[in-house]
Amino acid sequence: MTTASKWSKKLFVFSVVCVLALTAGCGGKKETKNAAAEKVTIKLAHNLPTAHPLAKGMESFQKKVSDKSKGMMTIAIYPSGQLYNDKSMNDAIMSGGIDMGLNTVGRWSSVIPAMEVFDVPFLFPSYDKVDKAIDGGLGEKLGSEMKKKGVRPIIWADYGFVQFANSKNAIKKPADFEGLKLRGYGEMPSETIKALGAAPVTMGSGEVYMAIQRGVVDGQTSGTTAMYDRKMFEVTKYLTVTNHAYPEFILAMNDKAFQKLSGEQQKILMDAANEVRDDLRKSAKDEDLKALDKLKEKGMEVYVVPETDLAEWRTATKPCWDIFVKHAGALGQELIDICVKQ
C-alpha cells in the first residue's frame, strides 16, 4: 500500500468517526430539548367540597407546580367526587385510572392495615405530636407499604382531629352512645364507635347528610371543617369534642405516572408538595377551631370533654389498640411505639 493510500484510509476513518460523533451529539441535544419542552398534565381527584381547607391546599399545590415549572406542568383538579368518591379513589390510583388522588387513611387501611394507626383512639395527644410521628419514622414506614401497592405518598396532609356529632342527644360520656347508629369512615373508626357502645355504619362521606336526614344513621364522626362544609349543622344538633383520632389525608400518586416524569419534574412536584404540607400543618388547628365556632353560630350544642374525664374514654376504647396490632401485626406495634415516643 502506498503512502498516499494509507493517508486516504486514515482520512476516511477519521471522517466516519467525526460524523458519528456529530450525529450522537446532535441527537442528544435534540432529546434534551424535547424533554425540557414537553408539557405535562397530571390529573388529581378528591372527594372534598371545594371550600374545604384541604381542597384549598390542592389548589395551592396546583399553583406552586405551575409557577415552579413556568407553566410546563399542569395539575388538573377534579374535586367533590367528580371522577371518584372516597370508596373508589384508591383503586383508581393503584390501577392508573387517575394519576393522583387525595383520600383519608381510613380508606387506605383496607389495603394497608397499618394505615389505621391514625385512627387508633387517643394515640395522639396533640397536633404537633402527629407531625413529629410522621417525620420520626411513621411516614417512611407507611410510604414503603404504599410503594408495594404501586403508589407513593406525595403529601401527608393534616386534616385535624375528629369529633362526634348526632341528632338524638348530647354525648358527654361513653354510656351516652348506647342505642345510636353512627357513620364510621373506615374499620378503626367503626371499631371505636362499637367500643363506645353505638352501632357503626360504613358509607361514603357524600352519603352521610341524606342518611342522617332520613334516619338511616343518627350521626357520624368527622372533623369540624368537614361538618361545616357539608352543612351537618342542618341535620345534627349535638357535637362532642373528643379529639380522639387524627385521620391524616394522603395525596398519593400512581408510581408509574411518577416515574414517567423527568428528574427535574419530580423535584418540582415534591418541592411544591413539601411547601403545601408545611402550610397545612401550620393551619390545621386554626381551621378546626374556626369551623367549631361556625358550627356553634349555626346552632349546634357543643360539649368539650374535659381533660379530667378523658381517662374513662381511653379505657373504653383501649381494646381498639389491640385490634389495630392484630390487623397490622409487628409493623403495627412498631408504629404505635413511634407515636408513643414522640
Protein backbone atom coordinates (compact mmCIF):
# COMPACT_ATOMS: atom_id res chain seq x y z
CA MET A 1 0.00 0.00 0.00
CA THR A 2 1.39 3.44 -0.96
CA THR A 3 1.83 6.26 1.49
CA ALA A 4 -0.99 8.14 -0.25
CA SER A 5 -3.33 5.15 0.16
CA LYS A 6 -2.54 4.88 3.88
CA TRP A 7 -3.33 8.57 4.39
CA SER A 8 -6.51 8.22 2.39
CA LYS A 9 -7.66 5.31 4.56
CA LYS A 10 -6.86 7.20 7.78
CA LEU A 11 -8.72 10.25 6.50
CA PHE A 12 -11.76 8.09 5.71
CA VAL A 13 -11.82 6.52 9.19
CA PHE A 14 -11.39 9.93 10.82
CA SER A 15 -14.29 11.32 8.78
CA VAL A 16 -16.57 8.46 9.78
CA VAL A 17 -15.75 8.92 13.48
CA CYS A 18 -16.47 12.65 13.23
CA VAL A 19 -19.81 12.06 11.52
CA LEU A 20 -20.85 9.52 14.18
CA ALA A 21 -19.80 11.85 16.97
CA LEU A 22 -21.67 14.78 15.48
CA THR A 23 -24.76 12.65 14.92
CA ALA A 24 -24.73 11.40 18.52
CA GLY A 25 -24.15 14.91 19.82
CA CYS A 26 -26.97 16.39 17.79
CA GLY A 27 -29.30 13.58 18.76
CA GLY A 28 -28.53 14.08 22.47
CA LYS A 29 -29.22 17.80 22.28
CA LYS A 30 -32.44 17.22 20.42
CA GLU A 31 -33.67 14.72 23.02
CA THR A 32 -32.83 17.05 25.92
CA LYS A 33 -34.55 19.94 24.22
CA ASN A 34 -37.71 17.91 23.63
CA ALA A 35 -37.75 16.60 27.22
CA ALA A 36 -37.40 20.11 28.59
CA ALA A 37 -40.07 21.49 26.29
CA GLU A 38 -42.61 18.73 26.89
CA LYS A 39 -45.75 19.87 28.72
CA VAL A 40 -47.16 17.53 31.36
CA THR A 41 -50.71 17.35 32.74
CA ILE A 42 -51.31 15.41 35.94
CA LYS A 43 -54.88 14.58 36.93
CA LEU A 44 -55.77 14.90 40.61
CA ALA A 45 -59.10 13.83 42.12
CA HIS A 46 -60.61 14.27 45.57
CA ASN A 47 -64.00 13.97 47.24
CA LEU A 48 -63.94 17.09 49.41
CA PRO A 49 -66.07 20.22 48.92
CA THR A 50 -64.12 22.95 47.13
CA ALA A 51 -64.35 25.23 50.19
CA HIS A 52 -62.64 22.71 52.48
CA PRO A 53 -59.14 23.70 53.68
CA LEU A 54 -57.59 20.58 52.12
CA ALA A 55 -59.28 21.34 48.81
CA LYS A 56 -57.77 24.83 49.02
CA GLY A 57 -54.46 23.15 49.75
CA MET A 58 -54.71 21.22 46.49
CA GLU A 59 -55.36 24.48 44.65
CA SER A 60 -52.21 25.91 46.25
CA PHE A 61 -50.30 22.81 45.14
CA GLN A 62 -51.63 23.30 41.60
CA LYS A 63 -50.40 26.91 41.51
CA LYS A 64 -47.00 26.13 43.01
CA VAL A 65 -46.33 23.38 40.47
CA SER A 66 -47.34 25.66 37.61
CA ASP A 67 -45.19 28.53 38.90
CA LYS A 68 -42.12 26.39 39.58
CA SER A 69 -42.32 24.73 36.15
CA LYS A 70 -43.09 28.04 34.38
CA GLY A 71 -46.35 26.60 33.12
CA MET A 72 -44.85 23.39 31.72
CA MET A 73 -46.53 21.24 34.38
CA THR A 74 -50.28 21.38 34.99
CA ILE A 75 -52.26 19.82 37.83
CA ALA A 76 -55.84 19.27 36.64
CA ILE A 77 -58.07 19.03 39.74
CA TYR A 78 -61.38 17.13 39.82
CA PRO A 79 -62.99 17.99 43.20
CA SER A 80 -66.14 16.94 45.06
CA GLY A 81 -66.18 13.37 43.76
CA GLN A 82 -66.48 14.40 40.09
CA LEU A 83 -64.40 11.39 39.00
CA TYR A 84 -64.19 9.10 42.04
CA ASN A 85 -65.70 9.06 45.51
CA ASP A 86 -63.67 8.18 48.59
CA LYS A 87 -64.58 4.48 48.27
CA SER A 88 -63.40 4.06 44.66
CA MET A 89 -60.50 6.54 44.73
CA ASN A 90 -57.68 4.25 45.87
CA ASP A 91 -58.38 1.51 43.33
CA ALA A 92 -58.22 4.18 40.62
CA ILE A 93 -54.83 5.41 41.88
CA MET A 94 -53.39 1.89 42.12
CA SER A 95 -54.65 0.91 38.66
CA GLY A 96 -53.57 4.16 37.00
CA GLY A 97 -57.14 5.26 36.31
CA ILE A 98 -56.13 8.59 37.85
CA ASP A 99 -52.62 9.99 38.36
CA MET A 100 -53.21 11.37 41.83
CA GLY A 101 -55.87 11.21 44.49
CA LEU A 102 -56.41 12.81 47.90
CA ASN A 103 -58.03 10.41 50.35
CA THR A 104 -58.17 9.63 54.04
CA VAL A 105 -56.01 6.98 55.69
CA GLY A 106 -59.25 5.29 56.75
CA ARG A 107 -59.86 4.32 53.13
CA TRP A 108 -56.26 3.19 52.63
CA SER A 109 -56.47 0.85 55.61
CA SER A 110 -58.46 -1.70 53.59
CA VAL A 111 -55.34 -2.41 51.50
CA ILE A 112 -52.70 -1.34 54.05
CA PRO A 113 -53.96 -2.24 57.55
CA ALA A 114 -51.15 -0.26 59.22
CA MET A 115 -52.76 2.96 57.94
CA GLU A 116 -55.29 2.55 60.75
CA VAL A 117 -52.68 3.93 63.15
CA PHE A 118 -54.00 7.48 62.70
CA ASP A 119 -57.45 6.32 63.84
CA VAL A 120 -56.29 4.42 66.92
CA PRO A 121 -58.30 6.31 69.57
CA PHE A 122 -56.42 8.70 71.83
CA LEU A 123 -53.00 7.73 70.47
CA PHE A 124 -52.10 11.32 69.57
CA PRO A 125 -52.43 13.88 72.38
CA SER A 126 -51.78 16.98 70.25
CA TYR A 127 -51.41 18.33 66.70
CA ASP A 128 -47.63 18.61 66.83
CA LYS A 129 -47.27 15.01 68.07
CA VAL A 130 -48.82 13.78 64.83
CA ASP A 131 -46.34 15.68 62.67
CA LYS A 132 -43.42 14.58 64.83
CA ALA A 133 -44.51 10.95 64.46
CA ILE A 134 -44.79 11.27 60.66
CA ASP A 135 -41.34 12.85 60.43
CA GLY A 136 -39.94 10.45 63.03
CA GLY A 137 -40.42 7.29 61.01
CA LEU A 138 -44.17 6.81 60.65
CA GLY A 139 -44.31 8.42 57.19
CA GLU A 140 -41.32 6.47 55.91
CA LYS A 141 -42.61 3.07 57.05
CA LEU A 142 -46.12 3.66 55.70
CA GLY A 143 -44.69 5.08 52.47
CA SER A 144 -42.79 1.83 51.94
CA GLU A 145 -46.03 -0.12 52.31
CA MET A 146 -47.72 2.13 49.75
CA LYS A 147 -44.94 1.60 47.23
CA LYS A 148 -45.59 -2.14 47.44
CA LYS A 149 -49.06 -1.30 46.09
CA GLY A 150 -47.68 0.74 43.20
CA VAL A 151 -48.31 4.17 44.72
CA ARG A 152 -46.30 6.73 46.64
CA PRO A 153 -47.27 9.44 49.12
CA ILE A 154 -46.78 12.94 47.75
CA ILE A 155 -48.29 14.95 50.63
CA TRP A 156 -49.16 13.87 54.16
CA ALA A 157 -51.98 16.37 54.54
CA ASP A 158 -53.04 17.36 58.05
CA TYR A 159 -56.81 17.12 58.37
CA GLY A 160 -57.19 17.81 62.06
CA PHE A 161 -58.85 15.88 64.89
CA VAL A 162 -62.24 14.21 64.51
CA GLN A 163 -65.25 14.55 66.80
CA PHE A 164 -68.74 13.07 67.19
CA ALA A 165 -71.98 14.68 66.02
CA ASN A 166 -75.51 13.30 66.24
CA SER A 167 -79.15 14.28 66.01
CA LYS A 168 -80.52 12.44 69.08
CA ASN A 169 -78.88 13.51 72.32
CA ALA A 170 -75.88 15.18 73.90
CA ILE A 171 -72.91 12.83 74.34
CA LYS A 172 -70.91 13.61 77.46
CA LYS A 173 -69.66 10.15 78.43
CA PRO A 174 -69.30 6.73 76.74
CA ALA A 175 -72.61 5.50 78.19
CA ASP A 176 -74.42 8.15 76.10
CA PHE A 177 -73.57 6.26 72.88
CA GLU A 178 -75.95 3.43 73.67
CA GLY A 179 -78.64 2.96 71.02
CA LEU A 180 -77.06 5.32 68.47
CA LYS A 181 -76.18 4.43 64.87
CA LEU A 182 -73.15 6.39 63.70
CA ARG A 183 -71.35 6.51 60.38
CA GLY A 184 -67.70 5.46 60.52
CA TYR A 185 -65.37 6.28 57.64
CA GLY A 186 -63.25 3.13 57.99
CA GLU A 187 -62.61 0.00 60.00
CA MET A 188 -60.89 1.51 63.04
CA PRO A 189 -63.42 4.38 63.38
CA SER A 190 -66.14 1.72 63.27
CA GLU A 191 -64.36 -0.30 65.96
CA THR A 192 -64.12 2.87 68.08
CA ILE A 193 -67.85 3.53 67.69
CA LYS A 194 -68.55 -0.08 68.65
CA ALA A 195 -66.26 0.11 71.70
CA LEU A 196 -68.14 3.18 72.90
CA GLY A 197 -71.46 1.33 72.69
CA ALA A 198 -73.02 2.55 69.44
CA ALA A 199 -73.67 0.70 66.17
CA PRO A 200 -71.28 1.62 63.33
CA VAL A 201 -72.46 2.06 59.74
CA THR A 202 -69.93 2.44 56.92
CA MET A 203 -70.78 4.69 53.96
CA GLY A 204 -69.17 7.29 51.71
CA SER A 205 -68.86 10.82 53.04
CA GLY A 206 -71.13 12.18 50.34
CA GLU A 207 -73.97 9.95 51.54
CA VAL A 208 -73.96 10.95 55.20
CA TYR A 209 -76.11 14.10 55.09
CA MET A 210 -79.01 12.33 53.41
CA ALA A 211 -78.60 9.24 55.60
CA ILE A 212 -78.95 11.34 58.77
CA GLN A 213 -81.83 13.30 57.29
CA ARG A 214 -83.68 10.05 56.51
CA GLY A 215 -82.88 8.45 59.84
CA VAL A 216 -80.66 5.72 58.39
CA VAL A 217 -77.97 6.84 60.85
CA ASP A 218 -78.16 9.17 63.85
CA GLY A 219 -74.82 10.85 63.35
CA GLN A 220 -71.19 10.50 62.42
CA THR A 221 -67.58 11.06 63.32
CA SER A 222 -65.55 13.56 61.30
CA GLY A 223 -63.62 16.80 61.57
CA THR A 224 -65.33 20.10 62.28
CA THR A 225 -64.17 21.50 58.93
CA ALA A 226 -65.97 18.74 57.04
CA MET A 227 -69.04 19.07 59.28
CA TYR A 228 -69.33 22.73 58.41
CA ASP A 229 -68.57 22.41 54.69
CA ARG A 230 -71.08 19.55 54.34
CA LYS A 231 -73.71 21.51 56.34
CA MET A 232 -74.04 18.82 59.01
CA PHE A 233 -75.42 21.52 61.35
CA GLU A 234 -78.65 21.22 59.38
CA VAL A 235 -79.17 17.56 60.36
CA THR A 236 -77.20 17.14 63.62
CA LYS A 237 -77.70 19.21 66.74
CA TYR A 238 -75.17 17.78 69.19
CA LEU A 239 -71.39 17.95 68.83
CA THR A 240 -68.94 16.34 71.25
CA VAL A 241 -65.29 17.39 71.04
CA THR A 242 -63.11 14.40 71.94
CA ASN A 243 -60.04 14.81 69.68
CA HIS A 244 -59.94 11.01 69.69
CA ALA A 245 -58.37 10.41 66.26
CA TYR A 246 -56.39 12.26 63.62
CA PRO A 247 -57.26 10.80 60.20
CA GLU A 248 -54.45 12.13 58.05
CA PHE A 249 -55.23 12.56 54.38
CA ILE A 250 -52.72 11.40 51.78
CA LEU A 251 -52.17 12.86 48.34
CA ALA A 252 -50.98 9.66 46.65
CA MET A 253 -49.65 9.22 43.13
CA ASN A 254 -49.54 6.19 40.88
CA ASP A 255 -45.87 5.20 40.90
CA LYS A 256 -45.69 4.53 37.15
CA ALA A 257 -47.05 8.01 36.49
CA PHE A 258 -44.42 9.44 38.86
CA GLN A 259 -41.62 7.53 37.16
CA LYS A 260 -42.64 8.92 33.75
CA LEU A 261 -41.68 12.38 34.97
CA SER A 262 -38.14 13.60 34.43
CA GLY A 263 -35.88 14.11 37.44
CA GLU A 264 -36.44 17.86 37.21
CA GLN A 265 -40.22 17.42 37.06
CA GLN A 266 -40.18 15.08 40.05
CA LYS A 267 -38.22 17.65 42.03
CA ILE A 268 -40.64 20.43 41.12
CA LEU A 269 -43.56 18.26 42.18
CA MET A 270 -42.03 17.29 45.53
CA ASP A 271 -40.76 20.79 46.34
CA ALA A 272 -44.29 22.14 45.83
CA ALA A 273 -45.73 19.23 47.84
CA ASN A 274 -43.46 19.86 50.82
CA GLU A 275 -44.37 23.55 50.89
CA VAL A 276 -48.09 22.74 50.88
CA ARG A 277 -47.58 20.09 53.58
CA ASP A 278 -45.91 22.67 55.83
CA ASP A 279 -48.68 25.22 55.19
CA LEU A 280 -51.38 22.67 56.06
CA ARG A 281 -49.58 21.74 59.26
CA LYS A 282 -49.49 25.35 60.39
CA SER A 283 -53.19 25.91 59.72
CA ALA A 284 -54.79 22.60 60.87
CA LYS A 285 -55.58 23.64 64.45
CA ASP A 286 -56.78 27.13 63.47
CA GLU A 287 -59.09 25.67 60.81
CA ASP A 288 -60.54 23.20 63.33
CA LEU A 289 -61.28 25.96 65.84
CA LYS A 290 -62.71 28.35 63.24
CA ALA A 291 -65.06 25.64 61.98
CA LEU A 292 -66.10 24.82 65.55
CA ASP A 293 -67.06 28.45 66.14
CA LYS A 294 -69.07 28.48 62.91
CA LEU A 295 -70.92 25.32 63.95
CA LYS A 296 -71.81 26.98 67.27
CA GLU A 297 -73.11 30.01 65.37
CA LYS A 298 -75.28 27.68 63.31
CA GLY A 299 -76.93 26.40 66.48
CA MET A 300 -75.07 23.19 67.31
CA GLU A 301 -74.76 22.41 71.01
CA VAL A 302 -71.06 21.79 71.68
CA TYR A 303 -69.68 19.79 74.57
CA VAL A 304 -65.91 19.61 75.07
CA VAL A 305 -64.85 16.55 77.06
CA PRO A 306 -62.75 17.82 79.99
CA GLU A 307 -59.20 16.53 80.27
CA THR A 308 -60.12 15.02 83.65
CA ASP A 309 -62.80 12.84 82.02
CA LEU A 310 -60.68 11.51 79.16
CA ALA A 311 -59.40 8.56 81.20
CA GLU A 312 -62.88 6.98 81.02
CA TRP A 313 -62.91 7.41 77.24
CA ARG A 314 -59.41 5.96 76.89
CA THR A 315 -60.35 2.94 78.98
CA ALA A 316 -63.48 2.30 76.91
CA THR A 317 -61.57 2.43 73.62
CA LYS A 318 -58.31 0.77 74.69
CA PRO A 319 -59.36 -2.58 73.11
CA CYS A 320 -59.05 -0.82 69.75
CA TRP A 321 -55.28 -0.65 70.26
CA ASP A 322 -55.16 -4.45 70.46
CA ILE A 323 -57.39 -4.75 67.40
CA PHE A 324 -55.03 -2.50 65.46
CA VAL A 325 -51.97 -4.59 66.35
CA LYS A 326 -53.89 -7.74 65.41
CA HIS A 327 -54.69 -6.22 62.00
CA ALA A 328 -51.27 -4.69 61.31
CA GLY A 329 -49.02 -7.24 63.03
CA ALA A 330 -45.45 -6.42 64.05
CA LEU A 331 -45.45 -3.28 61.91
CA GLY A 332 -48.49 -2.06 63.82
CA GLN A 333 -46.69 -2.35 67.14
CA GLU A 334 -43.65 -0.55 65.66
CA LEU A 335 -45.87 2.34 64.59
CA ILE A 336 -47.53 2.61 67.98
CA ASP A 337 -44.10 2.68 69.62
CA ILE A 338 -43.02 5.51 67.28
CA CYS A 339 -46.14 7.52 68.15
CA VAL A 340 -45.88 6.99 71.91
CA LYS A 341 -42.22 8.08 71.94
CA GLN A 342 -42.91 11.48 70.37
